[in-house]
């Protein structure tokens, strides 16, 4: 039964999963769909939280067993393949089209809204806001084909940029690369924007860990005022900037917000400075009931709106004044995008985007 389920989830279509499970259990179609959605989200949350550490420990354990040769071969491959993440990774359309991602999408549900066409003769940097706890909208929209990014933006290859440390962990690095995920560092971004042709779109969650510390339901704020590195990269490569806002990203988890100056915030900032991420105390719903606490996110809709591209000139060594100028244009464009669509996705007309 389990073997059939996983074969259907990762190899089959959505209809084949439903028909297989309905043949095995006397369940209604809607109940089967809901369970599949829960399982698809749970596997991703566990991947996000523990896959890297778990795979590292398993590999170390195998090295101490009679199967040590398998682990040794993988480690040899790892050394040989170490720089692949910095060179665009190893995208797999097969993985991006897994049926499980469509169930992941439908759990919330997650939607991708296109507002303008993108030219395949240009490269782009998408600024994604807000971070949320796990960037669920960013992953679903740009690392899978569940919301049809390939159909909506034909000829554009999205690369979701995440912490470089993730690519030092065995197995996890290969899993991430298969979805088109790359390290958010200068080497990786420079390669994609200068040596990978045109039609590339690097998705950077601009607010990063600092923004995740302040995300909470009902709050629309972004950490952006002093985040200008992505603008400088855009100028150096002549890559157009595209503001992206995900309505509902902050609604799917609740977290404890520590005040500035408190011991909790001090610990979070230390982690952020030395490790690259900030530990959050958060919760969603339970596995079997939405009325209990657990790791599953709440099933709240997330709508990701891709805004109008801002044409950026190529300047090899942009001055601070030039960076500030295009940064101010970007901030204005993001606010304009938020104001235009906020009432369509459940926010009052009086809602204001807070830019920190």
Foldseek 3Di string as FASTA:
>chain_A
DVVLQVCCQQPHAPVSNQVVVVVVDVDDSVVSLQLLLLVLLVVVLCLQPPVLVVQQVVLVVCCVDPNVVVSVVLVVVCVVCVCQLLQQFDEALSRLAGNSLLSPCVLLPEEEAEDDADDQQAEAEEAEDDCAQPNSNVCSVQLHCNRPPCPVHPNAHEEEEDAPVQCVGPPSVNSNRHSRYHHPDDSSLCNCLPPVGGRYYYYYNQQAQVSNLPQAPPAFEGAAPPRLPVLQSCQQRQHWYKYKYKPCSSPFKHFDHDDPPDPQVVQQVVCCVPPNHGDTGMWAADSVDRVHTDHGTHSHYIYMYIGDIDGHHHDNGDDPVNSVVVSVVVVVRNQVVCLVCVVVRPHDNPDGYHYD
